N, C-alpha and C. Protein backbone atom coordinates (compact mmCIF):
# COMPACT_ATOMS: atom_id res chain seq x y z
N MET A 1 0.63 8.99 16.99
CA MET A 1 0.59 10.16 17.63
C MET A 1 -0.83 10.37 18.03
N ASP A 2 -1.01 10.87 19.47
CA ASP A 2 -2.60 11.00 19.59
C ASP A 2 -2.98 12.56 19.48
N LYS A 3 -1.70 13.54 19.65
CA LYS A 3 -2.15 14.76 19.41
C LYS A 3 -1.76 15.37 17.90
N GLN A 4 -2.09 16.26 17.63
CA GLN A 4 -1.83 16.93 16.12
C GLN A 4 -0.77 18.04 16.54
N ILE A 5 0.16 17.99 16.45
CA ILE A 5 1.33 19.23 16.54
C ILE A 5 1.49 19.99 15.29
N LYS A 6 1.50 21.16 15.37
CA LYS A 6 1.57 22.05 14.34
C LYS A 6 2.93 22.22 13.86
N LYS A 7 3.29 22.26 12.77
CA LYS A 7 4.71 22.36 12.22
C LYS A 7 4.90 23.95 11.88
N ILE A 8 5.83 24.89 12.15
CA ILE A 8 6.01 25.87 11.66
C ILE A 8 7.53 25.85 11.15
N ALA A 9 7.54 25.96 9.54
CA ALA A 9 8.96 25.67 9.18
C ALA A 9 9.67 27.19 8.80
N ILE A 10 10.92 27.30 9.03
CA ILE A 10 11.62 28.49 8.69
C ILE A 10 12.31 28.02 7.32
N VAL A 11 12.26 28.85 6.27
CA VAL A 11 12.87 28.19 5.23
C VAL A 11 13.44 29.49 4.42
N GLY A 12 14.08 29.48 3.37
CA GLY A 12 14.64 30.57 2.74
C GLY A 12 15.98 30.22 1.97
N PRO A 13 16.42 31.12 1.36
CA PRO A 13 17.76 31.06 0.67
C PRO A 13 18.86 31.10 1.86
N GLU A 14 20.08 30.79 1.38
CA GLU A 14 21.43 30.72 2.46
C GLU A 14 21.53 31.97 3.02
N SER A 15 21.86 31.86 4.10
CA SER A 15 22.51 33.25 4.91
C SER A 15 21.24 34.29 4.96
N THR A 16 20.21 33.78 5.51
CA THR A 16 18.90 34.72 5.72
C THR A 16 18.54 34.37 7.13
N GLY A 17 19.45 33.87 8.20
CA GLY A 17 19.19 33.73 9.33
C GLY A 17 18.06 32.80 9.99
N LYS A 18 17.86 31.82 8.89
CA LYS A 18 17.15 30.55 9.41
C LYS A 18 17.22 29.94 10.81
N SER A 19 18.52 29.49 10.94
CA SER A 19 19.08 28.62 11.88
C SER A 19 18.78 29.77 13.48
N THR A 20 19.14 30.96 13.27
CA THR A 20 19.12 31.91 14.37
C THR A 20 17.94 32.00 14.80
N ILE A 21 16.90 32.33 13.81
CA ILE A 21 15.54 32.80 14.30
C ILE A 21 14.80 31.70 14.71
N THR A 22 15.08 30.27 14.02
CA THR A 22 14.28 29.29 14.60
C THR A 22 14.54 29.02 16.21
N GLN A 23 15.77 29.00 16.53
CA GLN A 23 16.10 29.16 17.82
C GLN A 23 15.74 30.07 18.81
N GLN A 24 15.48 31.15 18.33
CA GLN A 24 15.09 32.45 19.07
C GLN A 24 13.54 32.05 19.33
N LEU A 25 12.77 31.73 18.20
CA LEU A 25 11.24 31.39 18.13
C LEU A 25 11.07 30.46 19.08
N ALA A 26 12.09 29.20 19.24
CA ALA A 26 11.75 28.24 20.28
C ALA A 26 11.83 28.82 21.63
N SER A 27 12.82 29.52 21.63
CA SER A 27 13.00 30.00 23.18
C SER A 27 11.83 31.06 23.55
N HIS A 28 11.66 31.82 22.55
CA HIS A 28 10.35 32.69 22.88
C HIS A 28 9.25 32.21 23.19
N TYR A 29 8.95 31.22 22.44
CA TYR A 29 7.44 30.34 22.85
C TYR A 29 7.68 29.00 23.70
N GLU A 30 8.92 28.88 24.15
CA GLU A 30 9.31 27.91 25.00
C GLU A 30 8.65 26.24 24.74
N THR A 31 9.13 26.14 23.18
CA THR A 31 8.90 25.13 22.84
C THR A 31 10.11 24.44 21.93
N LEU A 32 9.86 23.20 21.42
CA LEU A 32 11.03 22.63 20.77
C LEU A 32 11.26 22.97 19.20
N TRP A 33 12.54 22.57 18.55
CA TRP A 33 12.80 22.90 17.40
C TRP A 33 13.78 21.91 16.79
N VAL A 34 13.43 21.71 15.43
CA VAL A 34 14.17 20.76 14.99
C VAL A 34 15.34 21.44 14.03
N PRO A 35 16.67 20.76 14.30
CA PRO A 35 17.54 21.51 13.60
C PRO A 35 17.88 21.00 12.21
N GLU A 36 18.52 21.69 11.33
CA GLU A 36 18.73 21.28 9.99
C GLU A 36 19.72 20.26 9.91
N TYR A 37 19.06 19.12 9.48
CA TYR A 37 20.09 17.95 9.35
C TYR A 37 21.05 18.00 8.31
N ALA A 38 20.89 18.91 7.33
CA ALA A 38 21.77 18.84 6.31
C ALA A 38 23.18 19.64 6.54
N ARG A 39 23.11 20.55 7.64
CA ARG A 39 24.31 21.14 8.16
C ARG A 39 25.33 20.25 8.61
N TYR A 40 24.85 19.46 9.52
CA TYR A 40 25.45 18.35 10.12
C TYR A 40 25.94 17.31 9.03
N TYR A 41 25.25 16.77 8.28
CA TYR A 41 25.79 15.90 7.29
C TYR A 41 26.91 16.48 6.27
N CYS A 42 26.49 17.64 5.64
CA CYS A 42 27.67 18.26 4.80
C CYS A 42 28.89 18.59 5.67
N ALA A 43 28.76 18.77 6.62
CA ALA A 43 29.89 19.22 7.73
C ALA A 43 30.79 17.96 7.54
N ALA A 44 30.46 16.84 7.70
CA ALA A 44 30.91 15.53 7.94
C ALA A 44 31.55 14.94 6.41
N LEU A 45 30.89 15.24 5.29
CA LEU A 45 31.20 14.92 4.00
C LEU A 45 32.71 15.02 3.72
N THR A 46 33.50 14.07 3.13
CA THR A 46 34.63 14.14 2.66
C THR A 46 34.98 13.97 1.11
N THR A 47 33.78 14.03 0.33
CA THR A 47 33.80 14.21 -0.80
C THR A 47 32.79 15.12 -1.34
N PRO A 48 32.48 15.32 -2.65
CA PRO A 48 31.50 16.27 -3.12
C PRO A 48 30.21 15.60 -2.88
N CYS A 49 29.12 16.43 -2.75
CA CYS A 49 27.76 15.79 -2.42
C CYS A 49 27.21 15.24 -3.54
N ASP A 50 26.68 14.29 -3.57
CA ASP A 50 26.01 13.86 -4.81
C ASP A 50 24.51 13.44 -4.45
N LEU A 51 23.73 12.80 -5.58
CA LEU A 51 22.30 12.74 -5.13
C LEU A 51 22.00 11.52 -4.01
N GLN A 52 22.77 10.58 -3.84
CA GLN A 52 22.82 9.75 -2.71
C GLN A 52 22.66 10.51 -1.19
N ASP A 53 23.71 11.43 -1.53
CA ASP A 53 23.64 12.37 -0.06
C ASP A 53 22.47 13.12 0.08
N GLU A 54 21.96 13.61 -0.94
CA GLU A 54 20.63 14.45 -0.97
C GLU A 54 19.65 13.53 -0.34
N ILE A 55 19.41 12.09 -0.88
CA ILE A 55 18.58 11.46 -0.41
C ILE A 55 18.86 10.95 1.25
N ASN A 56 20.06 10.86 1.41
CA ASN A 56 20.45 10.72 2.80
C ASN A 56 20.02 11.74 3.86
N MET A 57 20.20 12.95 3.27
CA MET A 57 19.68 14.22 3.93
C MET A 57 18.24 14.42 4.02
N PHE A 58 17.42 13.85 2.99
CA PHE A 58 16.05 13.72 3.11
C PHE A 58 15.77 12.76 4.16
N HIS A 59 16.08 11.83 4.40
CA HIS A 59 15.85 10.74 5.54
C HIS A 59 16.06 11.35 6.66
N GLY A 60 17.19 11.89 6.88
CA GLY A 60 18.01 12.50 8.16
C GLY A 60 17.08 13.58 8.44
N GLN A 61 16.45 14.52 7.63
CA GLN A 61 15.72 15.59 8.25
C GLN A 61 14.29 15.12 8.65
N LEU A 62 13.69 14.01 7.98
CA LEU A 62 12.43 13.58 8.43
C LEU A 62 12.72 12.55 9.55
N ALA A 63 13.76 11.98 9.85
CA ALA A 63 13.97 11.25 11.10
C ALA A 63 14.00 12.13 12.31
N LEU A 64 14.83 13.03 11.96
CA LEU A 64 15.02 14.34 13.39
C LEU A 64 13.76 14.91 13.56
N GLU A 65 12.89 15.17 12.64
CA GLU A 65 11.84 15.79 12.64
C GLU A 65 10.77 14.94 13.73
N GLU A 66 10.67 13.72 13.13
CA GLU A 66 9.96 12.95 13.85
C GLU A 66 10.35 12.51 15.12
N SER A 67 11.69 12.72 15.30
CA SER A 67 12.18 12.37 17.01
C SER A 67 11.67 13.56 17.71
N ILE A 68 11.70 14.72 17.21
CA ILE A 68 11.23 15.78 17.96
C ILE A 68 9.80 15.87 18.42
N LEU A 69 8.94 15.72 17.24
CA LEU A 69 7.61 15.55 17.33
C LEU A 69 7.16 14.52 18.52
N SER A 70 8.13 13.53 18.55
CA SER A 70 7.44 12.48 19.36
C SER A 70 7.94 12.87 20.94
N ILE A 71 8.73 13.77 21.23
CA ILE A 71 8.80 14.46 22.66
C ILE A 71 8.22 15.67 22.90
N ALA A 72 7.54 16.30 21.68
CA ALA A 72 7.01 17.72 21.96
C ALA A 72 5.74 17.67 23.04
N LYS A 73 5.98 18.87 23.85
CA LYS A 73 4.99 18.99 24.93
C LYS A 73 3.91 19.68 24.62
N LYS A 74 4.51 20.87 23.65
CA LYS A 74 3.38 21.76 23.15
C LYS A 74 2.71 21.42 21.90
N ASP A 75 1.72 22.09 21.61
CA ASP A 75 1.09 21.95 20.40
C ASP A 75 1.62 22.29 19.09
N PHE A 76 2.94 22.98 19.10
CA PHE A 76 3.71 23.30 17.84
C PHE A 76 5.03 23.24 18.14
N ILE A 77 5.59 23.12 17.29
CA ILE A 77 7.19 23.03 17.15
C ILE A 77 7.77 24.08 15.89
N PHE A 78 8.93 24.33 15.82
CA PHE A 78 9.66 25.18 14.71
C PHE A 78 10.61 24.00 14.06
N CYS A 79 10.59 24.18 12.83
CA CYS A 79 11.51 23.48 12.24
C CYS A 79 12.51 24.31 11.25
N ASP A 80 14.02 24.14 11.72
CA ASP A 80 14.90 24.82 11.04
C ASP A 80 15.15 24.34 9.56
N THR A 81 14.34 24.70 8.40
CA THR A 81 14.06 24.21 7.31
C THR A 81 13.27 23.13 7.01
N THR A 82 13.08 22.44 5.83
CA THR A 82 12.17 21.06 5.59
C THR A 82 13.21 20.48 4.29
N PHE A 83 12.46 19.16 4.09
CA PHE A 83 13.36 18.41 3.11
C PHE A 83 12.94 19.13 1.82
N LEU A 84 12.13 20.08 1.74
CA LEU A 84 11.97 20.76 0.41
C LEU A 84 13.34 21.52 0.10
N THR A 85 14.06 21.61 0.73
CA THR A 85 15.52 22.25 0.61
C THR A 85 16.09 21.01 -0.30
N VAL A 86 16.01 19.88 0.05
CA VAL A 86 16.64 18.81 -0.75
C VAL A 86 16.16 18.69 -2.37
N LYS A 87 14.96 19.35 -2.50
CA LYS A 87 14.57 19.16 -3.96
C LYS A 87 15.21 20.49 -4.43
N ILE A 88 15.14 21.74 -3.76
CA ILE A 88 15.46 22.88 -4.38
C ILE A 88 17.19 22.74 -4.75
N TRP A 89 17.76 22.08 -3.66
CA TRP A 89 19.27 22.02 -4.09
C TRP A 89 19.59 20.81 -5.03
N SER A 90 18.81 19.89 -5.27
CA SER A 90 19.11 18.94 -6.21
C SER A 90 18.64 19.41 -7.38
N ASP A 91 17.53 20.20 -7.75
CA ASP A 91 17.11 20.62 -8.73
C ASP A 91 18.28 21.52 -9.33
N GLU A 92 18.86 22.44 -8.57
CA GLU A 92 19.98 23.31 -8.89
C GLU A 92 21.26 22.72 -9.29
N VAL A 93 21.84 21.88 -8.66
CA VAL A 93 22.99 21.12 -8.44
C VAL A 93 23.07 20.07 -9.54
N PHE A 94 21.99 19.07 -9.52
CA PHE A 94 22.22 18.28 -10.40
C PHE A 94 21.18 17.82 -11.49
N SER A 95 20.01 18.98 -11.61
CA SER A 95 19.21 19.10 -12.70
C SER A 95 18.12 18.07 -12.23
N GLU A 96 18.03 17.34 -11.40
CA GLU A 96 16.93 16.56 -10.88
C GLU A 96 16.75 16.14 -9.55
N THR A 97 15.66 15.78 -9.07
CA THR A 97 15.40 15.41 -7.66
C THR A 97 15.09 13.79 -7.62
N PRO A 98 15.49 13.25 -6.47
CA PRO A 98 15.04 12.06 -6.24
C PRO A 98 13.67 11.65 -6.30
N GLU A 99 13.22 10.77 -6.72
CA GLU A 99 11.76 10.43 -6.80
C GLU A 99 11.38 10.32 -5.52
N ILE A 100 11.98 9.73 -4.40
CA ILE A 100 11.61 9.65 -3.03
C ILE A 100 11.33 10.90 -2.52
N VAL A 101 11.99 11.99 -2.77
CA VAL A 101 11.63 13.13 -2.61
C VAL A 101 10.13 13.95 -2.95
N LEU A 102 10.41 13.67 -4.29
CA LEU A 102 9.15 14.15 -5.17
C LEU A 102 7.88 13.62 -4.69
N ASN A 103 8.08 12.18 -4.30
CA ASN A 103 6.73 11.38 -3.70
C ASN A 103 6.49 11.82 -2.46
N ALA A 104 7.21 12.17 -1.63
CA ALA A 104 6.93 12.51 -0.40
C ALA A 104 6.42 13.98 -0.20
N LEU A 105 6.85 14.93 -1.05
CA LEU A 105 6.34 16.28 -1.00
C LEU A 105 4.84 16.84 -0.39
N PRO A 106 4.04 15.84 -1.22
CA PRO A 106 2.54 16.09 -0.82
C PRO A 106 2.03 15.65 0.42
N ASN A 107 2.87 14.65 1.07
CA ASN A 107 2.45 13.83 2.25
C ASN A 107 2.83 14.42 3.54
N TYR A 108 3.88 15.35 3.36
CA TYR A 108 4.49 16.16 4.60
C TYR A 108 4.05 17.63 4.54
N ASN A 109 3.18 17.79 5.43
CA ASN A 109 2.46 19.25 5.37
C ASN A 109 3.06 20.03 6.64
N TYR A 110 3.22 21.19 6.31
CA TYR A 110 3.64 22.17 7.50
C TYR A 110 2.40 23.23 7.45
N ASP A 111 2.13 23.60 8.59
CA ASP A 111 1.17 24.42 8.84
C ASP A 111 1.32 26.03 8.62
N LEU A 112 2.52 26.31 8.58
CA LEU A 112 3.03 27.96 8.07
C LEU A 112 4.45 27.74 8.07
N TYR A 113 4.63 28.41 7.08
CA TYR A 113 6.09 28.57 6.59
C TYR A 113 6.44 30.00 6.78
N LEU A 114 7.54 30.14 7.46
CA LEU A 114 8.19 31.73 7.41
C LEU A 114 9.35 31.57 6.31
N LEU A 115 9.13 32.27 5.37
CA LEU A 115 10.18 32.66 4.41
C LEU A 115 10.93 33.76 4.58
N MET A 116 12.27 33.62 4.86
CA MET A 116 13.43 34.46 5.62
C MET A 116 13.77 35.47 4.17
N ASP A 117 13.52 36.56 4.08
CA ASP A 117 13.66 37.51 3.08
C ASP A 117 15.34 37.50 3.00
N ILE A 118 15.93 38.17 1.68
CA ILE A 118 17.39 38.15 1.55
C ILE A 118 17.76 39.57 1.88
N ASP A 119 17.37 40.10 3.01
CA ASP A 119 17.83 41.50 3.51
C ASP A 119 18.90 41.60 4.61
N LEU A 120 19.44 40.17 4.66
CA LEU A 120 20.27 40.28 5.61
C LEU A 120 21.70 40.13 4.80
N PRO A 121 22.89 40.71 5.27
CA PRO A 121 24.17 40.79 4.61
C PRO A 121 24.29 39.17 4.58
N TRP A 122 25.10 38.85 3.51
CA TRP A 122 25.97 37.63 3.19
C TRP A 122 26.83 37.18 4.27
N GLN A 123 26.75 36.06 5.07
CA GLN A 123 27.64 35.71 5.84
C GLN A 123 28.57 34.42 5.28
N GLU A 124 29.80 34.58 5.15
CA GLU A 124 30.45 33.74 4.70
C GLU A 124 30.48 32.18 5.61
N ASP A 125 30.41 31.07 4.98
CA ASP A 125 30.28 29.84 5.66
C ASP A 125 30.88 28.90 4.57
N PRO A 126 31.56 27.80 5.18
CA PRO A 126 32.15 26.89 4.21
C PRO A 126 31.01 26.06 3.73
N LEU A 127 30.03 25.88 4.19
CA LEU A 127 28.79 25.04 3.73
C LEU A 127 27.70 25.92 2.87
N ARG A 128 28.13 27.05 2.50
CA ARG A 128 27.21 27.88 1.65
C ARG A 128 27.97 28.14 0.35
N ASP A 129 26.89 28.12 -0.77
CA ASP A 129 27.58 27.78 -2.10
C ASP A 129 27.21 29.11 -3.10
N PHE A 130 26.23 29.66 -2.82
CA PHE A 130 25.66 30.43 -3.94
C PHE A 130 25.25 32.03 -3.49
N PRO A 131 26.63 32.79 -2.78
CA PRO A 131 26.37 34.28 -2.51
C PRO A 131 25.66 35.00 -3.72
N HIS A 132 25.98 35.01 -4.87
CA HIS A 132 25.29 35.81 -5.88
C HIS A 132 24.01 35.08 -6.57
N LYS A 133 23.50 34.30 -5.92
CA LYS A 133 22.12 33.72 -6.56
C LYS A 133 20.98 33.78 -5.41
N ARG A 134 21.21 34.87 -4.80
CA ARG A 134 20.05 34.82 -3.81
C ARG A 134 18.69 35.24 -4.13
N GLU A 135 18.94 36.11 -5.11
CA GLU A 135 17.61 36.63 -5.70
C GLU A 135 16.92 35.37 -6.55
N HIS A 136 17.83 34.69 -7.21
CA HIS A 136 17.47 33.44 -7.89
C HIS A 136 16.68 32.49 -6.82
N PHE A 137 17.34 32.37 -5.82
CA PHE A 137 16.73 31.29 -4.64
C PHE A 137 15.51 31.71 -4.14
N MET A 138 15.51 33.14 -3.75
CA MET A 138 14.30 33.68 -3.02
C MET A 138 12.99 33.36 -4.07
N GLN A 139 13.25 33.52 -5.50
CA GLN A 139 11.96 33.20 -6.54
C GLN A 139 11.92 31.74 -6.39
N VAL A 140 12.77 31.07 -6.57
CA VAL A 140 12.72 29.60 -6.53
C VAL A 140 11.68 28.89 -5.15
N TRP A 141 12.07 29.59 -4.04
CA TRP A 141 11.24 29.30 -2.82
C TRP A 141 9.78 29.63 -2.95
N HIS A 142 9.70 30.85 -3.58
CA HIS A 142 8.36 31.41 -3.81
C HIS A 142 7.48 30.34 -4.70
N ASN A 143 8.06 30.00 -5.69
CA ASN A 143 7.46 29.00 -6.53
C ASN A 143 7.23 27.83 -6.01
N GLU A 144 8.19 27.19 -5.27
CA GLU A 144 8.05 25.94 -4.67
C GLU A 144 6.87 26.05 -3.61
N LEU A 145 6.98 27.17 -2.69
CA LEU A 145 6.03 27.17 -1.63
C LEU A 145 4.50 27.34 -2.38
N LYS A 146 4.43 28.14 -3.59
CA LYS A 146 3.17 28.27 -4.15
C LYS A 146 2.67 26.94 -4.75
N ALA A 147 3.78 26.33 -5.43
CA ALA A 147 3.25 24.98 -5.84
C ALA A 147 2.50 23.96 -5.11
N LEU A 148 3.18 24.16 -3.69
CA LEU A 148 2.49 23.37 -2.42
C LEU A 148 1.28 23.95 -1.83
N ASN A 149 0.85 25.28 -2.47
CA ASN A 149 -0.52 25.80 -1.89
C ASN A 149 0.06 26.00 -0.60
N ALA A 150 1.29 26.26 0.12
CA ALA A 150 1.66 26.57 1.33
C ALA A 150 1.24 27.86 1.75
N ASN A 151 0.82 27.89 3.09
CA ASN A 151 0.70 29.11 3.81
C ASN A 151 1.86 29.90 4.32
N TYR A 152 2.26 30.75 3.61
CA TYR A 152 3.67 31.26 3.91
C TYR A 152 3.53 32.76 3.88
N THR A 153 4.45 33.37 4.62
CA THR A 153 4.70 34.74 4.96
C THR A 153 6.31 34.87 4.81
N ILE A 154 6.54 36.15 3.98
CA ILE A 154 8.02 36.57 4.05
C ILE A 154 8.26 37.31 5.36
N ILE A 155 9.42 36.92 5.74
CA ILE A 155 10.01 37.81 7.15
C ILE A 155 11.12 38.52 6.76
N SER A 156 11.00 39.79 6.72
CA SER A 156 12.02 40.80 6.47
C SER A 156 12.47 41.46 7.91
N GLY A 157 13.57 42.40 7.65
CA GLY A 157 13.94 43.01 8.71
C GLY A 157 15.32 42.61 9.42
N GLN A 158 16.20 43.57 9.82
CA GLN A 158 17.40 43.16 9.88
C GLN A 158 17.31 43.35 11.79
N GLU A 159 16.75 44.53 12.26
CA GLU A 159 17.09 44.73 13.53
C GLU A 159 15.79 44.22 14.17
N ASN A 160 14.43 44.21 13.34
CA ASN A 160 13.28 43.71 14.02
C ASN A 160 12.68 42.30 13.34
N ARG A 161 13.63 41.45 12.88
CA ARG A 161 13.37 40.40 12.35
C ARG A 161 12.60 39.41 13.13
N LEU A 162 12.90 39.19 14.28
CA LEU A 162 12.32 38.32 15.23
C LEU A 162 11.14 38.97 15.62
N SER A 163 10.94 40.11 15.85
CA SER A 163 9.53 40.89 16.15
C SER A 163 8.56 40.55 15.21
N ASN A 164 8.85 40.54 13.95
CA ASN A 164 8.07 40.52 12.80
C ASN A 164 7.55 39.04 12.61
N ALA A 165 8.76 37.98 12.98
CA ALA A 165 8.32 36.60 13.06
C ALA A 165 7.47 36.32 14.15
N VAL A 166 7.81 36.98 15.41
CA VAL A 166 6.60 36.61 16.60
C VAL A 166 5.20 37.23 16.21
N THR A 167 5.14 38.10 15.55
CA THR A 167 3.82 38.93 15.27
C THR A 167 3.08 37.86 14.26
N VAL A 168 3.88 37.22 13.26
CA VAL A 168 3.12 36.32 12.22
C VAL A 168 2.86 35.34 13.06
N VAL A 169 3.78 34.66 13.91
CA VAL A 169 3.33 33.38 14.49
C VAL A 169 2.14 33.64 15.60
N ASP A 170 2.25 34.78 16.15
CA ASP A 170 0.90 35.19 17.38
C ASP A 170 -0.39 34.99 16.26
N GLU A 171 -0.58 35.82 15.26
CA GLU A 171 -1.46 35.93 14.51
C GLU A 171 -1.70 34.19 13.82
N PHE A 172 -1.08 33.62 13.59
CA PHE A 172 -1.26 32.16 13.02
C PHE A 172 -1.76 31.51 14.54
N LEU A 173 -1.23 31.52 15.44
CA LEU A 173 -1.72 30.75 16.54
C LEU A 173 -3.14 31.31 17.14
N ARG A 174 -3.25 32.50 16.85
CA ARG A 174 -4.48 32.81 17.16
C ARG A 174 -5.81 32.40 16.44
N ARG A 175 -5.31 32.05 15.03
CA ARG A 175 -6.29 31.75 14.27
C ARG A 175 -6.66 30.25 14.27
N THR A 176 -5.66 29.43 14.76
CA THR A 176 -5.70 27.92 14.81
C THR A 176 -6.04 27.39 16.06
């Protein structure tokens, strides 16, 4: 690929508005966004998720991201989560992470992470599992992003969440 496209990842615990804000930001900046592959994958599962499913979601998320990068017209895109979610879920549910995911983590960089705060009310969804572990997962996200030495900012607010995110993205784009 000729141009270096910046990737802004929207991440965080369940039910924090990641998909909504990713789409809103992409619309605001008139750029493309990468959907969360795992949502589509898990919706089609007919058996409980296993480690092979996590590997499949890892590959699917990367393929989806690469396809959006290949058609991007602007110099940045938004990603509704990253495959770091596969690590977090695998660690929580299976007490291990597939080696392929661990090996890939240092090789896939995101220029900015927006970590969605847990200050939104929980929304029931058949694909969500841990309504009582939001604080736990918020800390896990902090730990994982720090371990990657990631550039990240927490985005809070119920009424002004989008404007808070836009402020952070505007500042990031000014600096880069």
